[in-house]
Amino acid sequence: MLRPDGVLGDLVLRGRARDLRTAHDGSGHVLAEASFDMRVAFLDGRRIIQVTTVAVIPALEALVGATAGSGFRARLDQLVPHERDTRSLLYALLDDVPGATLVSNHVLQAAGVRGAGGRPDYRPVPDVCAGFRQGGTVLFQMEHGGRFPLAAGPAAPLLESGDDPLVWHRLDALPPHSMRRLRRLDVLPGEVITVESLFRDSHLAPDGRGTVIHEYEIRAGVAPGTWRVLDAVAVPRVLPWPECPAAADSAGRLVGRDLREACRKVRSDFRGESTCTHLNDQLRSLGDVVAL
């Protein structure tokens, strides 16, 4: 999540994805890759100005002029239903656009620009998630302090592993006033499919200090063939507000369900103060287990 023209300039989203197969001897083989670049007029209704993909898909040109926020996913599903149905890598990237656009507002807040997207009158919807619970930290501070509080996370340690150069993509250094969203989904076959998922949002301040804003880990077991979820646990590593970790229990709602159907229903069924917007996106991404 980059702002090459300054904090109040356009938002540039740059997404990269990869399928990696690791053999019994530990060697890694890249099976597929995908990427996109998108320019968003963040202060003009989060309007999409440009979309570029390596594999040219003419239908995606219709995203230009649409918003990168609410309604984006429904529009995406209409334009590229095949990418959605096959859980392609490109679809996985584009599906994350609303969440990445939303969290990128942290750059403006950290730079002292009031409100969401520069709107001084911004007020979150009460009880829309655990972090915005009525009477919780955010709404209390806005009621008594008059402004949205700034989340201050811990230092962001490296996730790269020195003994496995393929564990992550090659990650370019972030410039100041930018953010990065990292996702990892590991699928280990067996009598029970073991699933591990990691999600992190981090921010780089002008002084070069990187901090974590959100970080969750999910562990799940899935029955092969039926795709029934046998267990699912979300571990909150870093979250911005004291009330946020309570949402982790919502991952247990997947247990007993068909993974394919459950992940499609997260958007409609996981709502309210017992849930988390960012965890919901991570739970939905477990649908990629089937493709992997």
Protein backbone atom coordinates (compact mmCIF):
# COMPACT_ATOMS: atom_id res chain seq x y z
CA MET A 1 0.00 0.00 0.00
CA LEU A 2 2.07 2.92 -1.34
CA ARG A 3 1.62 6.69 -1.61
CA PRO A 4 4.28 7.78 -4.10
CA ASP A 5 2.76 11.27 -4.50
CA GLY A 6 2.67 12.00 -0.78
CA VAL A 7 0.27 11.20 2.05
CA LEU A 8 -2.65 13.03 0.41
CA GLY A 9 -1.90 11.67 -3.06
CA ASP A 10 -3.23 8.58 -4.81
CA LEU A 11 -3.01 5.19 -3.16
CA VAL A 12 -1.06 2.60 -5.18
CA LEU A 13 -1.84 -1.02 -4.41
CA ARG A 14 0.73 -3.58 -5.57
CA GLY A 15 -0.19 -7.23 -5.12
CA ARG A 16 1.95 -10.32 -5.65
CA ALA A 17 0.91 -13.96 -5.14
CA ARG A 18 2.52 -17.35 -5.60
CA ASP A 19 1.69 -21.03 -5.28
CA LEU A 20 4.68 -22.98 -3.96
CA ARG A 21 4.96 -26.76 -3.67
CA THR A 22 7.53 -28.13 -1.26
CA ALA A 23 8.73 -31.69 -1.93
CA HIS A 24 9.70 -34.30 0.65
CA ASP A 25 13.37 -33.35 0.28
CA GLY A 26 12.57 -29.73 1.17
CA SER A 27 13.03 -28.33 -2.32
CA GLY A 28 10.52 -25.74 -3.47
CA HIS A 29 8.84 -25.48 -6.86
CA VAL A 30 6.84 -22.43 -7.94
CA LEU A 31 3.65 -23.65 -9.60
CA ALA A 32 1.96 -20.35 -10.40
CA GLU A 33 2.35 -16.61 -9.94
CA ALA A 34 0.07 -13.60 -10.30
CA SER A 35 0.31 -9.85 -9.79
CA PHE A 36 -1.58 -6.60 -10.20
CA ASP A 37 -1.06 -2.86 -9.76
CA MET A 38 -3.92 -0.50 -9.01
CA ARG A 39 -4.06 3.27 -8.59
CA VAL A 40 -6.83 4.62 -6.37
CA ALA A 41 -7.93 8.24 -5.86
CA PHE A 42 -8.22 7.69 -2.13
CA LEU A 43 -9.59 11.12 -1.22
CA ASP A 44 -12.03 11.06 -4.13
CA GLY A 45 -14.33 8.30 -2.92
CA ARG A 46 -11.55 5.68 -3.22
CA ARG A 47 -12.17 5.69 -6.95
CA ILE A 48 -10.12 3.28 -9.06
CA ILE A 49 -8.10 5.10 -11.72
CA GLN A 50 -6.04 2.29 -13.23
CA VAL A 51 -5.68 -1.51 -13.05
CA THR A 52 -2.77 -3.46 -14.55
CA THR A 53 -2.27 -7.22 -14.53
CA VAL A 54 0.43 -9.40 -16.11
CA ALA A 55 -2.17 -11.66 -17.69
CA VAL A 56 -4.39 -9.21 -19.58
CA ILE A 57 -8.06 -9.67 -18.65
CA PRO A 58 -10.16 -7.13 -20.62
CA ALA A 59 -13.12 -7.48 -18.23
CA LEU A 60 -11.10 -5.90 -15.43
CA GLU A 61 -11.02 -2.60 -17.33
CA ALA A 62 -14.60 -2.12 -16.09
CA LEU A 63 -13.22 -1.65 -12.57
CA VAL A 64 -11.93 1.78 -13.58
CA GLY A 65 -14.24 4.39 -12.12
CA ALA A 66 -15.63 1.99 -9.50
CA THR A 67 -14.81 2.25 -5.81
CA ALA A 68 -12.12 0.17 -4.14
CA GLY A 69 -14.32 0.03 -1.04
CA SER A 70 -17.89 -1.10 -0.46
CA GLY A 71 -19.34 -3.00 -3.43
CA PHE A 72 -15.97 -3.82 -5.00
CA ARG A 73 -16.18 -7.58 -4.43
CA ALA A 74 -19.67 -7.86 -5.88
CA ARG A 75 -18.48 -5.98 -8.95
CA LEU A 76 -15.40 -8.22 -9.22
CA ASP A 77 -17.52 -11.37 -9.05
CA GLN A 78 -19.69 -10.09 -11.89
CA LEU A 79 -16.70 -9.30 -14.09
CA VAL A 80 -14.58 -12.41 -13.59
CA PRO A 81 -16.79 -15.28 -12.33
CA HIS A 82 -14.33 -17.87 -13.72
CA GLU A 83 -11.49 -16.46 -11.62
CA ARG A 84 -13.76 -16.61 -8.57
CA ASP A 85 -14.97 -20.16 -9.21
CA THR A 86 -11.46 -21.52 -9.73
CA ARG A 87 -10.04 -19.54 -6.78
CA SER A 88 -7.27 -18.23 -9.00
CA LEU A 89 -4.27 -16.44 -7.53
CA LEU A 90 -5.27 -13.21 -9.24
CA TYR A 91 -8.74 -13.41 -7.72
CA ALA A 92 -7.22 -13.96 -4.26
CA LEU A 93 -5.21 -10.76 -4.71
CA LEU A 94 -8.06 -8.63 -6.04
CA ASP A 95 -10.45 -9.93 -3.38
CA ASP A 96 -8.17 -8.29 -0.80
CA VAL A 97 -8.44 -4.80 -2.36
CA PRO A 98 -11.24 -3.47 -0.07
CA GLY A 99 -9.48 -4.60 3.10
CA ALA A 100 -6.11 -3.24 2.04
CA THR A 101 -7.67 0.05 0.96
CA LEU A 102 -9.48 0.36 4.28
CA VAL A 103 -6.43 -0.29 6.45
CA SER A 104 -4.25 2.02 4.33
CA ASN A 105 -6.04 4.92 6.00
CA HIS A 106 -3.70 4.33 8.94
CA VAL A 107 -1.05 6.22 6.94
CA LEU A 108 -3.18 9.38 6.98
CA GLN A 109 -3.94 9.02 10.67
CA ALA A 110 -0.27 8.49 11.54
CA ALA A 111 0.59 11.59 9.51
CA GLY A 112 -1.91 13.66 11.50
CA VAL A 113 -4.68 13.87 8.91
CA ARG A 114 -7.94 13.68 10.85
CA GLY A 115 -10.69 11.17 10.24
CA ALA A 116 -10.92 8.34 7.73
CA GLY A 117 -9.77 9.33 4.28
CA GLY A 118 -9.24 12.86 5.57
CA ARG A 119 -12.87 13.22 6.74
CA PRO A 120 -12.96 15.02 10.10
CA ASP A 121 -16.59 13.97 10.62
CA TYR A 122 -15.90 10.23 10.34
CA ARG A 123 -17.61 8.05 12.95
CA PRO A 124 -17.43 4.23 12.89
CA VAL A 125 -20.68 2.28 13.03
CA PRO A 126 -21.21 1.07 16.62
CA ASP A 127 -20.99 -2.71 17.14
CA VAL A 128 -19.98 -3.38 13.54
CA CYS A 129 -17.03 -5.35 14.95
CA ALA A 130 -15.34 -6.10 18.28
CA GLY A 131 -13.03 -3.09 17.98
CA PHE A 132 -15.92 -0.68 17.45
CA ARG A 133 -18.02 -2.05 20.29
CA GLN A 134 -20.39 0.43 21.93
CA GLY A 135 -18.63 1.71 25.05
CA GLY A 136 -15.27 0.36 23.88
CA THR A 137 -11.96 2.18 23.53
CA VAL A 138 -12.52 3.70 20.07
CA LEU A 139 -16.04 5.00 20.56
CA PHE A 140 -15.31 6.16 24.10
CA GLN A 141 -12.30 8.20 22.98
CA MET A 142 -14.21 9.66 20.06
CA GLU A 143 -17.08 10.64 22.34
CA HIS A 144 -14.83 12.27 24.91
CA GLY A 145 -11.83 13.29 22.81
CA GLY A 146 -13.56 14.18 19.57
CA ARG A 147 -11.27 12.22 17.22
CA PHE A 148 -10.45 8.72 16.08
CA PRO A 149 -7.56 7.37 18.20
CA LEU A 150 -4.31 6.30 16.56
CA ALA A 151 -3.35 2.64 16.86
CA ALA A 152 0.26 2.23 18.03
CA GLY A 153 1.53 -1.29 17.45
CA PRO A 154 4.78 -3.02 18.41
CA ALA A 155 7.90 -3.19 16.25
CA ALA A 156 7.54 -5.45 13.20
CA PRO A 157 10.07 -8.31 13.30
CA LEU A 158 11.07 -9.96 10.03
CA LEU A 159 9.03 -12.99 8.98
CA GLU A 160 11.57 -14.15 6.41
CA SER A 161 13.55 -17.30 7.19
CA GLY A 162 17.29 -17.42 6.46
CA ASP A 163 17.28 -21.20 5.87
CA ASP A 164 14.48 -21.13 3.27
CA PRO A 165 14.90 -18.42 0.60
CA LEU A 166 11.57 -19.33 -1.02
CA VAL A 167 9.46 -18.98 2.13
CA TRP A 168 8.30 -15.51 1.01
CA HIS A 169 8.44 -13.51 -2.18
CA ARG A 170 11.33 -11.15 -2.63
CA LEU A 171 10.07 -8.15 -0.69
CA ASP A 172 11.15 -4.69 -1.80
CA ALA A 173 11.99 -2.20 0.91
CA LEU A 174 9.03 -0.03 1.85
CA PRO A 175 9.29 3.75 1.51
CA PRO A 176 8.10 5.98 4.39
CA HIS A 177 4.32 6.51 4.77
CA SER A 178 3.51 3.06 3.33
CA MET A 179 2.05 -0.22 4.53
CA ARG A 180 2.34 -3.89 3.72
CA ARG A 181 -0.14 -6.75 4.02
CA LEU A 182 1.46 -10.20 4.19
CA ARG A 183 -0.54 -13.42 3.90
CA ARG A 184 0.70 -17.00 4.11
CA LEU A 185 -1.47 -20.11 3.68
CA ASP A 186 0.19 -23.50 4.22
CA VAL A 187 -1.66 -26.74 3.45
CA LEU A 188 -0.19 -30.06 4.63
CA PRO A 189 -1.96 -33.16 3.24
CA GLY A 190 -2.66 -36.23 5.35
CA GLU A 191 -5.50 -38.17 6.94
CA VAL A 192 -6.46 -34.75 8.24
CA ILE A 193 -5.44 -31.74 6.14
CA THR A 194 -3.50 -29.38 8.38
CA VAL A 195 -3.96 -25.70 7.59
CA GLU A 196 -1.89 -22.79 8.89
CA SER A 197 -2.60 -19.20 7.93
CA LEU A 198 -0.77 -16.01 8.88
CA PHE A 199 -1.89 -12.43 8.26
CA ARG A 200 -0.04 -9.21 9.07
CA ASP A 201 -0.58 -5.50 8.35
CA SER A 202 2.43 -3.31 9.06
CA HIS A 203 3.23 0.40 8.71
CA LEU A 204 6.50 2.19 8.00
CA ALA A 205 6.81 5.61 9.63
CA PRO A 206 8.87 8.50 8.19
CA ASP A 207 11.67 7.72 10.67
CA GLY A 208 11.99 4.19 9.23
CA ARG A 209 10.32 2.48 12.18
CA GLY A 210 8.08 -0.42 11.18
CA THR A 211 5.16 -1.40 13.41
CA VAL A 212 2.52 -4.13 13.29
CA ILE A 213 -1.13 -2.99 13.15
CA HIS A 214 -2.87 -6.37 12.78
CA GLU A 215 -1.56 -9.91 13.01
CA TYR A 216 -3.56 -13.13 13.26
CA GLU A 217 -2.63 -16.78 12.98
CA ILE A 218 -5.21 -19.46 12.15
CA ARG A 219 -4.78 -23.20 12.62
CA ALA A 220 -7.37 -25.61 11.27
CA GLY A 221 -7.96 -29.27 10.49
CA VAL A 222 -10.01 -30.30 7.48
CA ALA A 223 -11.32 -33.72 6.41
CA PRO A 224 -10.15 -34.51 2.84
CA GLY A 225 -12.91 -35.26 0.38
CA THR A 226 -15.79 -33.91 2.43
CA TRP A 227 -13.92 -30.68 3.30
CA ARG A 228 -15.57 -30.66 6.71
CA VAL A 229 -13.80 -28.36 9.18
CA LEU A 230 -12.76 -30.45 12.19
CA ASP A 231 -11.23 -27.64 14.23
CA ALA A 232 -10.38 -23.98 13.74
CA VAL A 233 -8.56 -21.66 16.12
CA ALA A 234 -7.60 -18.02 15.56
CA VAL A 235 -4.68 -16.67 17.58
CA PRO A 236 -4.58 -12.86 17.80
CA ARG A 237 -0.94 -11.78 17.77
CA VAL A 238 -1.34 -8.00 17.42
CA LEU A 239 -4.58 -6.01 17.31
CA PRO A 240 -5.13 -2.26 17.75
CA TRP A 241 -7.75 -2.09 20.53
CA PRO A 242 -8.26 -3.98 23.82
CA GLU A 243 -11.67 -5.26 22.69
CA CYS A 244 -10.41 -6.75 19.39
CA PRO A 245 -9.08 -10.14 20.62
CA ALA A 246 -12.58 -11.21 21.67
CA ALA A 247 -13.36 -11.69 17.96
CA ALA A 248 -10.89 -14.60 17.72
CA ASP A 249 -13.52 -17.01 19.08
CA SER A 250 -15.60 -16.48 15.93
CA ALA A 251 -13.23 -18.80 14.02
CA GLY A 252 -14.83 -21.70 15.88
CA ARG A 253 -18.05 -21.11 13.96
CA LEU A 254 -16.45 -22.86 10.97
CA VAL A 255 -16.23 -26.20 12.81
CA GLY A 256 -18.56 -28.82 11.37
CA ARG A 257 -19.17 -26.90 8.17
CA ASP A 258 -18.12 -27.68 4.61
CA LEU A 259 -15.11 -25.40 4.10
CA ARG A 260 -16.19 -24.49 0.57
CA GLU A 261 -19.62 -23.31 1.65
CA ALA A 262 -18.56 -21.81 4.97
CA CYS A 263 -15.97 -19.49 3.49
CA ARG A 264 -18.51 -18.14 1.03
CA LYS A 265 -20.88 -17.38 3.90
CA VAL A 266 -18.46 -15.54 6.17
CA ARG A 267 -19.36 -12.20 4.56
CA SER A 268 -23.05 -12.66 5.30
CA ASP A 269 -22.98 -14.66 8.55
CA PHE A 270 -20.05 -13.25 10.53
CA ARG A 271 -21.30 -9.86 11.61
CA GLY A 272 -21.48 -7.75 14.74
CA GLU A 273 -19.39 -7.09 17.82
CA SER A 274 -18.23 -10.72 18.14
CA THR A 275 -16.39 -10.55 14.80
CA CYS A 276 -13.48 -8.71 13.18
CA THR A 277 -13.35 -7.33 9.64
CA HIS A 278 -9.75 -8.43 9.14
CA LEU A 279 -10.22 -11.87 10.68
CA ASN A 280 -13.28 -12.38 8.47
CA ASP A 281 -11.15 -11.75 5.39
CA GLN A 282 -8.60 -14.26 6.63
CA LEU A 283 -11.29 -16.86 7.33
CA ARG A 284 -12.71 -16.34 3.85
CA SER A 285 -9.26 -16.92 2.35
CA LEU A 286 -9.33 -20.49 3.74
CA GLY A 287 -11.44 -21.29 0.69
CA ASP A 288 -8.12 -21.41 -1.16
CA VAL A 289 -7.28 -24.61 0.75
CA VAL A 290 -9.40 -26.53 -1.73
CA ALA A 291 -7.53 -25.12 -4.74
CA LEU A 292 -4.15 -25.81 -3.13
